[in-house]
PDB file of N, CA and C in Angstrom:
ATOM      1  N   UNK A   1      -8.529  -6.904  18.747  1.00  0.00           N
ATOM      2  CA  UNK A   1      -7.092  -6.667  18.675  1.00  0.00           C
ATOM      3  C   UNK A   1      -6.676  -6.258  17.265  1.00  0.00           C
ATOM      4  N   UNK A   2      -7.168  -6.990  16.256  1.00  0.00           N
ATOM      5  CA  UNK A   2      -6.802  -6.693  14.876  1.00  0.00           C
ATOM      6  C   UNK A   2      -7.287  -5.304  14.471  1.00  0.00           C
ATOM      7  N   UNK A   3      -8.484  -4.942  14.887  1.00  0.00           N
ATOM      8  CA  UNK A   3      -9.030  -3.618  14.568  1.00  0.00           C
ATOM      9  C   UNK A   3      -8.196  -2.521  15.219  1.00  0.00           C
ATOM     10  N   UNK A   4      -7.735  -2.770  16.442  1.00  0.00           N
ATOM     11  CA  UNK A   4      -6.895  -1.786  17.132  1.00  0.00           C
ATOM     12  C   UNK A   4      -5.586  -1.571  16.385  1.00  0.00           C
ATOM     13  N   UNK A   5      -4.968  -2.662  15.953  1.00  0.00           N
ATOM     14  CA  UNK A   5      -3.697  -2.572  15.224  1.00  0.00           C
ATOM     15  C   UNK A   5      -3.898  -1.834  13.901  1.00  0.00           C
ATOM     16  N   UNK A   6      -4.986  -2.149  13.210  1.00  0.00           N
ATOM     17  CA  UNK A   6      -5.267  -1.496  11.934  1.00  0.00           C
ATOM     18  C   UNK A   6      -5.510  -0.005  12.146  1.00  0.00           C
ATOM     19  N   UNK A   7      -6.259   0.342  13.186  1.00  0.00           N
ATOM     20  CA  UNK A   7      -6.504   1.746  13.522  1.00  0.00           C
ATOM     21  C   UNK A   7      -5.188   2.450  13.836  1.00  0.00           C
ATOM     22  N   UNK A   8      -4.324   1.772  14.593  1.00  0.00           N
ATOM     23  CA  UNK A   8      -3.024   2.332  14.954  1.00  0.00           C
ATOM     24  C   UNK A   8      -2.174   2.605  13.704  1.00  0.00           C
ATOM     25  N   UNK A   9      -2.191   1.679  12.756  1.00  0.00           N
ATOM     26  CA  UNK A   9      -1.445   1.878  11.509  1.00  0.00           C
ATOM     27  C   UNK A   9      -2.004   3.067  10.726  1.00  0.00           C
ATOM     28  N   UNK A  10      -3.327   3.189  10.711  1.00  0.00           N
ATOM     29  CA  UNK A  10      -3.960   4.325  10.029  1.00  0.00           C
ATOM     30  C   UNK A  10      -3.569   5.645  10.665  1.00  0.00           C
ATOM     31  N   UNK A  11      -3.517   5.676  11.995  1.00  0.00           N
ATOM     32  CA  UNK A  11      -3.110   6.893  12.698  1.00  0.00           C
ATOM     33  C   UNK A  11      -1.653   7.231  12.411  1.00  0.00           C
ATOM     34  N   UNK A  12      -0.810   6.212  12.364  1.00  0.00           N
ATOM     35  CA  UNK A  12       0.610   6.431  12.066  1.00  0.00           C
ATOM     36  C   UNK A  12       0.786   7.032  10.671  1.00  0.00           C
ATOM     37  N   UNK A  13       0.020   6.522   9.703  1.00  0.00           N
ATOM     38  CA  UNK A  13       0.079   7.058   8.349  1.00  0.00           C
ATOM     39  C   UNK A  13      -0.361   8.514   8.327  1.00  0.00           C
ATOM     40  N   UNK A  14      -1.411   8.823   9.048  1.00  0.00           N
ATOM     41  CA  UNK A  14      -1.911  10.203   9.125  1.00  0.00           C
ATOM     42  C   UNK A  14      -0.857  11.138   9.727  1.00  0.00           C
ATOM     43  N   UNK A  15      -0.206  10.686  10.787  1.00  0.00           N
ATOM     44  CA  UNK A  15       0.834  11.490  11.450  1.00  0.00           C
ATOM     45  C   UNK A  15       2.017  11.717  10.512  1.00  0.00           C
ATOM     46  N   UNK A  16       2.409  10.676   9.785  1.00  0.00           N
ATOM     47  CA  UNK A  16       3.539  10.826   8.855  1.00  0.00           C
ATOM     48  C   UNK A  16       3.226  11.862   7.784  1.00  0.00           C
ATOM     49  N   UNK A  17       2.017  11.850   7.268  1.00  0.00           N
ATOM     50  CA  UNK A  17       1.627  12.826   6.244  1.00  0.00           C
ATOM     51  C   UNK A  17       1.659  14.245   6.802  1.00  0.00           C
ATOM     52  N   UNK A  18       1.192  14.408   8.028  1.00  0.00           N
ATOM     53  CA  UNK A  18       1.209  15.728   8.663  1.00  0.00           C
ATOM     54  C   UNK A  18       2.634  16.212   8.898  1.00  0.00           C
ATOM     55  N   UNK A  19       3.528  15.309   9.297  1.00  0.00           N
ATOM     56  CA  UNK A  19       4.927  15.684   9.530  1.00  0.00           C
ATOM     57  C   UNK A  19       5.571  16.229   8.261  1.00  0.00           C
ATOM     58  N   UNK A  20       5.269  15.640   7.128  1.00  0.00           N
ATOM     59  CA  UNK A  20       5.900  16.068   5.878  1.00  0.00           C
ATOM     60  C   UNK A  20       5.396  17.437   5.424  1.00  0.00           C
ATOM     61  N   UNK A  21       4.225  17.834   5.866  1.00  0.00           N
ATOM     62  CA  UNK A  21       3.700  19.155   5.487  1.00  0.00           C
ATOM     63  C   UNK A  21       4.487  20.296   6.114  1.00  0.00           C
ATOM     64  N   UNK A  22       5.169  20.020   7.213  1.00  0.00           N
ATOM     65  CA  UNK A  22       5.881  21.083   7.918  1.00  0.00           C
ATOM     66  C   UNK A  22       7.271  21.361   7.348  1.00  0.00           C
ATOM     67  N   UNK A  23       7.769  20.492   6.483  1.00  0.00           N
ATOM     68  CA  UNK A  23       9.107  20.695   5.931  1.00  0.00           C
ATOM     69  C   UNK A  23       9.074  21.680   4.775  1.00  0.00           C
ATOM     70  N   UNK A  24      10.074  22.539   4.758  1.00  0.00           N
ATOM     71  CA  UNK A  24      10.207  23.518   3.697  1.00  0.00           C
ATOM     72  C   UNK A  24      11.653  23.577   3.237  1.00  0.00           C
ATOM     73  N   UNK A  25      11.821  23.806   1.964  1.00  0.00           N
ATOM     74  CA  UNK A  25      13.159  24.087   1.448  1.00  0.00           C
ATOM     75  C   UNK A  25      13.421  25.568   1.660  1.00  0.00           C
ATOM     76  N   UNK A  26      14.611  25.883   2.112  1.00  0.00           N
ATOM     77  CA  UNK A  26      14.974  27.260   2.414  1.00  0.00           C
ATOM     78  C   UNK A  26      15.830  27.804   1.280  1.00  0.00           C
ATOM     79  N   UNK A  27      15.509  29.011   0.856  1.00  0.00           N
ATOM     80  CA  UNK A  27      16.266  29.652  -0.215  1.00  0.00           C
ATOM     81  C   UNK A  27      17.294  30.579   0.417  1.00  0.00           C
ATOM     82  N   UNK A  28      18.575  30.382   0.066  1.00  0.00           N
ATOM     83  CA  UNK A  28      19.652  31.191   0.632  1.00  0.00           C
ATOM     84  C   UNK A  28      20.409  31.874  -0.496  1.00  0.00           C
ATOM     85  N   UNK A  29      20.740  33.126  -0.269  1.00  0.00           N
ATOM     86  CA  UNK A  29      21.515  33.857  -1.274  1.00  0.00           C
ATOM     87  C   UNK A  29      22.985  33.492  -1.118  1.00  0.00           C
ATOM     88  N   UNK A  30      23.646  33.278  -2.257  1.00  0.00           N
ATOM     89  CA  UNK A  30      25.058  32.911  -2.238  1.00  0.00           C
ATOM     90  C   UNK A  30      25.720  33.440  -3.499  1.00  0.00           C
ATOM     91  N   UNK A  31      26.604  34.401  -3.327  1.00  0.00           N
ATOM     92  CA  UNK A  31      27.391  34.970  -4.427  1.00  0.00           C
ATOM     93  C   UNK A  31      26.528  35.362  -5.628  1.00  0.00           C
ATOM     94  N   UNK A  32      25.475  36.107  -5.341  1.00  0.00           N
ATOM     95  CA  UNK A  32      24.634  36.633  -6.413  1.00  0.00           C
ATOM     96  C   UNK A  32      23.621  35.648  -6.981  1.00  0.00           C
ATOM     97  N   UNK A  33      23.533  34.477  -6.412  1.00  0.00           N
ATOM     98  CA  UNK A  33      22.548  33.488  -6.860  1.00  0.00           C
ATOM     99  C   UNK A  33      21.854  32.911  -5.630  1.00  0.00           C
ATOM    100  N   UNK A  34      20.954  32.019  -5.830  1.00  0.00           N
ATOM    101  CA  UNK A  34      20.245  31.422  -4.703  1.00  0.00           C
ATOM    102  C   UNK A  34      20.464  29.915  -4.668  1.00  0.00           C
ATOM    103  N   UNK A  35      20.602  29.403  -3.462  1.00  0.00           N
ATOM    104  CA  UNK A  35      20.745  27.970  -3.244  1.00  0.00           C
ATOM    105  C   UNK A  35      19.580  27.496  -2.376  1.00  0.00           C
ATOM    106  N   UNK A  36      19.216  26.249  -2.560  1.00  0.00           N
ATOM    107  CA  UNK A  36      18.185  25.662  -1.712  1.00  0.00           C
ATOM    108  C   UNK A  36      18.840  24.911  -0.569  1.00  0.00           C
ATOM    109  N   UNK A  37      18.339  25.107   0.647  1.00  0.00           N
ATOM    110  CA  UNK A  37      18.862  24.425   1.816  1.00  0.00           C
ATOM    111  C   UNK A  37      17.775  23.601   2.481  1.00  0.00           C
ATOM    112  N   UNK A  38      18.165  22.839   3.476  1.00  0.00           N
ATOM    113  CA  UNK A  38      17.217  22.024   4.216  1.00  0.00           C
ATOM    114  C   UNK A  38      17.107  20.595   3.727  1.00  0.00           C
ATOM    115  N   UNK A  39      17.999  20.195   2.827  1.00  0.00           N
ATOM    116  CA  UNK A  39      17.926  18.851   2.254  1.00  0.00           C
ATOM    117  C   UNK A  39      18.222  17.754   3.264  1.00  0.00           C
ATOM    118  N   UNK A  40      19.153  18.002   4.173  1.00  0.00           N
ATOM    119  CA  UNK A  40      19.550  16.958   5.128  1.00  0.00           C
ATOM    120  C   UNK A  40      18.370  16.499   5.982  1.00  0.00           C
ATOM    121  N   UNK A  41      17.635  17.457   6.536  1.00  0.00           N
ATOM    122  CA  UNK A  41      16.487  17.108   7.377  1.00  0.00           C
ATOM    123  C   UNK A  41      15.405  16.395   6.576  1.00  0.00           C
ATOM    124  N   UNK A  42      15.148  16.889   5.391  1.00  0.00           N
ATOM    125  CA  UNK A  42      14.103  16.292   4.559  1.00  0.00           C
ATOM    126  C   UNK A  42      14.497  14.881   4.125  1.00  0.00           C
ATOM    127  N   UNK A  43      15.739  14.698   3.715  1.00  0.00           N
ATOM    128  CA  UNK A  43      16.192  13.361   3.305  1.00  0.00           C
ATOM    129  C   UNK A  43      16.129  12.360   4.454  1.00  0.00           C
ATOM    130  N   UNK A  44      16.507  12.796   5.644  1.00  0.00           N
ATOM    131  CA  UNK A  44      16.444  11.909   6.809  1.00  0.00           C
ATOM    132  C   UNK A  44      15.002  11.510   7.101  1.00  0.00           C
ATOM    133  N   UNK A  45      14.095  12.469   7.048  1.00  0.00           N
ATOM    134  CA  UNK A  45      12.678  12.179   7.299  1.00  0.00           C
ATOM    135  C   UNK A  45      12.106  11.284   6.207  1.00  0.00           C
ATOM    136  N   UNK A  46      12.491  11.525   4.959  1.00  0.00           N
ATOM    137  CA  UNK A  46      12.029  10.668   3.859  1.00  0.00           C
ATOM    138  C   UNK A  46      12.492   9.233   4.061  1.00  0.00           C
ATOM    139  N   UNK A  47      13.742   9.053   4.439  1.00  0.00           N
ATOM    140  CA  UNK A  47      14.269   7.705   4.690  1.00  0.00           C
ATOM    141  C   UNK A  47      13.514   7.015   5.826  1.00  0.00           C
ATOM    142  N   UNK A  48      13.316   7.738   6.928  1.00  0.00           N
ATOM    143  CA  UNK A  48      12.604   7.169   8.071  1.00  0.00           C
ATOM    144  C   UNK A  48      11.182   6.767   7.697  1.00  0.00           C
ATOM    145  N   UNK A  49      10.501   7.664   6.993  1.00  0.00           N
ATOM    146  CA  UNK A  49       9.118   7.379   6.644  1.00  0.00           C
ATOM    147  C   UNK A  49       9.001   6.275   5.604  1.00  0.00           C
ATOM    148  N   UNK A  50       9.964   6.176   4.710  1.00  0.00           N
ATOM    149  CA  UNK A  50       9.946   5.094   3.719  1.00  0.00           C
ATOM    150  C   UNK A  50      10.071   3.746   4.417  1.00  0.00           C
ATOM    151  N   UNK A  51      11.004   3.638   5.357  1.00  0.00           N
ATOM    152  CA  UNK A  51      11.195   2.395   6.105  1.00  0.00           C
ATOM    153  C   UNK A  51       9.941   2.073   6.916  1.00  0.00           C
ATOM    154  N   UNK A  52       9.367   3.072   7.582  1.00  0.00           N
ATOM    155  CA  UNK A  52       8.167   2.858   8.384  1.00  0.00           C
ATOM    156  C   UNK A  52       6.997   2.409   7.519  1.00  0.00           C
ATOM    157  N   UNK A  53       6.822   3.056   6.371  1.00  0.00           N
ATOM    158  CA  UNK A  53       5.721   2.706   5.471  1.00  0.00           C
ATOM    159  C   UNK A  53       5.895   1.295   4.930  1.00  0.00           C
ATOM    160  N   UNK A  54       7.106   0.923   4.581  1.00  0.00           N
ATOM    161  CA  UNK A  54       7.344  -0.424   4.086  1.00  0.00           C
ATOM    162  C   UNK A  54       7.096  -1.467   5.181  1.00  0.00           C
ATOM    163  N   UNK A  55       7.430  -1.127   6.419  1.00  0.00           N
ATOM    164  CA  UNK A  55       7.139  -2.034   7.534  1.00  0.00           C
ATOM    165  C   UNK A  55       5.631  -2.170   7.726  1.00  0.00           C
ATOM    166  N   UNK A  56       4.915  -1.058   7.578  1.00  0.00           N
ATOM    167  CA  UNK A  56       3.454  -1.108   7.686  1.00  0.00           C
ATOM    168  C   UNK A  56       2.871  -2.015   6.607  1.00  0.00           C
ATOM    169  N   UNK A  57       3.383  -1.880   5.391  1.00  0.00           N
ATOM    170  CA  UNK A  57       2.880  -2.694   4.287  1.00  0.00           C
ATOM    171  C   UNK A  57       3.179  -4.176   4.498  1.00  0.00           C
ATOM    172  N   UNK A  58       4.202  -4.490   5.260  1.00  0.00           N
ATOM    173  CA  UNK A  58       4.544  -5.869   5.554  1.00  0.00           C
ATOM    174  C   UNK A  58       3.758  -6.449   6.724  1.00  0.00           C
ATOM    175  N   UNK A  59       3.009  -5.591   7.411  1.00  0.00           N
ATOM    176  CA  UNK A  59       2.240  -6.044   8.563  1.00  0.00           C
ATOM    177  C   UNK A  59       1.014  -6.844   8.129  1.00  0.00           C
ATOM    178  N   UNK A  60       0.705  -7.877   8.878  1.00  0.00           N
ATOM    179  CA  UNK A  60      -0.481  -8.688   8.576  1.00  0.00           C
ATOM    180  C   UNK A  60      -1.761  -7.956   8.970  1.00  0.00           C
ATOM    181  N   UNK A  61      -1.647  -6.890   9.739  1.00  0.00           N
ATOM    182  CA  UNK A  61      -2.818  -6.149  10.197  1.00  0.00           C
ATOM    183  C   UNK A  61      -3.321  -5.114   9.194  1.00  0.00           C
ATOM    184  N   UNK A  62      -2.555  -4.820   8.166  1.00  0.00           N
ATOM    185  CA  UNK A  62      -2.933  -3.745   7.255  1.00  0.00           C
ATOM    186  C   UNK A  62      -4.107  -4.130   6.351  1.00  0.00           C
ATOM    187  N   UNK A  63      -4.290  -5.399   6.104  1.00  0.00           N
ATOM    188  CA  UNK A  63      -5.428  -5.847   5.302  1.00  0.00           C
ATOM    189  C   UNK A  63      -5.242  -5.562   3.821  1.00  0.00           C
ATOM    190  N   UNK A  64      -6.347  -5.621   3.087  1.00  0.00           N
ATOM    191  CA  UNK A  64      -6.290  -5.420   1.640  1.00  0.00           C
ATOM    192  C   UNK A  64      -7.172  -4.269   1.174  1.00  0.00           C
ATOM    193  N   UNK A  65      -7.600  -3.424   2.064  1.00  0.00           N
ATOM    194  CA  UNK A  65      -8.529  -2.357   1.721  1.00  0.00           C
ATOM    195  C   UNK A  65      -7.869  -1.008   1.505  1.00  0.00           C
ATOM    196  N   UNK A  66      -8.594   0.022   1.931  1.00  0.00           N
ATOM    197  CA  UNK A  66      -8.191   1.410   1.725  1.00  0.00           C
ATOM    198  C   UNK A  66      -6.852   1.738   2.399  1.00  0.00           C
ATOM    199  N   UNK A  67      -6.633   1.207   3.579  1.00  0.00           N
ATOM    200  CA  UNK A  67      -5.385   1.501   4.289  1.00  0.00           C
ATOM    201  C   UNK A  67      -4.179   1.010   3.499  1.00  0.00           C
ATOM    202  N   UNK A  68      -4.255  -0.168   2.921  1.00  0.00           N
ATOM    203  CA  UNK A  68      -3.151  -0.687   2.097  1.00  0.00           C
ATOM    204  C   UNK A  68      -2.963   0.202   0.863  1.00  0.00           C
ATOM    205  N   UNK A  69      -4.062   0.569   0.223  1.00  0.00           N
ATOM    206  CA  UNK A  69      -3.993   1.424  -0.970  1.00  0.00           C
ATOM    207  C   UNK A  69      -3.370   2.772  -0.632  1.00  0.00           C
ATOM    208  N   UNK A  70      -3.813   3.373   0.473  1.00  0.00           N
ATOM    209  CA  UNK A  70      -3.262   4.670   0.894  1.00  0.00           C
ATOM    210  C   UNK A  70      -1.783   4.552   1.262  1.00  0.00           C
ATOM    211  N   UNK A  71      -1.421   3.460   1.911  1.00  0.00           N
ATOM    212  CA  UNK A  71      -0.021   3.263   2.305  1.00  0.00           C
ATOM    213  C   UNK A  71       0.870   3.062   1.088  1.00  0.00           C
ATOM    214  N   UNK A  72       0.389   2.319   0.109  1.00  0.00           N
ATOM    215  CA  UNK A  72       1.166   2.122  -1.123  1.00  0.00           C
ATOM    216  C   UNK A  72       1.332   3.444  -1.870  1.00  0.00           C
ATOM    217  N   UNK A  73       0.268   4.243  -1.901  1.00  0.00           N
ATOM    218  CA  UNK A  73       0.336   5.557  -2.558  1.00  0.00           C
ATOM    219  C   UNK A  73       1.333   6.461  -1.832  1.00  0.00           C
ATOM    220  N   UNK A  74       1.325   6.411  -0.492  1.00  0.00           N
ATOM    221  CA  UNK A  74       2.263   7.220   0.286  1.00  0.00           C
ATOM    222  C   UNK A  74       3.700   6.768   0.049  1.00  0.00           C
ATOM    223  N   UNK A  75       3.908   5.453  -0.023  1.00  0.00           N
ATOM    224  CA  UNK A  75       5.240   4.932  -0.306  1.00  0.00           C
ATOM    225  C   UNK A  75       5.727   5.441  -1.663  1.00  0.00           C
ATOM    226  N   UNK A  76       4.857   5.435  -2.649  1.00  0.00           N
ATOM    227  CA  UNK A  76       5.222   5.908  -3.991  1.00  0.00           C
ATOM    228  C   UNK A  76       5.606   7.388  -3.953  1.00  0.00           C
ATOM    229  N   UNK A  77       4.870   8.179  -3.206  1.00  0.00           N
ATOM    230  CA  UNK A  77       5.196   9.613  -3.092  1.00  0.00           C
ATOM    231  C   UNK A  77       6.542   9.826  -2.408  1.00  0.00           C
ATOM    232  N   UNK A  78       6.806   9.029  -1.384  1.00  0.00           N
ATOM    233  CA  UNK A  78       8.075   9.176  -0.664  1.00  0.00           C
ATOM    234  C   UNK A  78       9.262   8.807  -1.545  1.00  0.00           C
ATOM    235  N   UNK A  79       9.095   7.754  -2.312  1.00  0.00           N
ATOM    236  CA  UNK A  79      10.184   7.286  -3.164  1.00  0.00           C
ATOM    237  C   UNK A  79      10.353   8.242  -4.325  1.00  0.00           C
TER     238      UNK A  79
END
């Protein structure tokens, strides 16, 4: 059971990383200059993933090995 939960947490972390690769900031022309768009979607995803990662780190199934280290590193990148 514990191994299944740990595997599940690892898969969730992998999926979250893949989701963030698909986001792009969009450059829009506005009155002779350019603005960046797409912040709302990215901020919402960052918030969701930060909460999820922190919940993972609070889980007793995460252990003290590579998964915890990778999750802490991911949390730092999100923040």
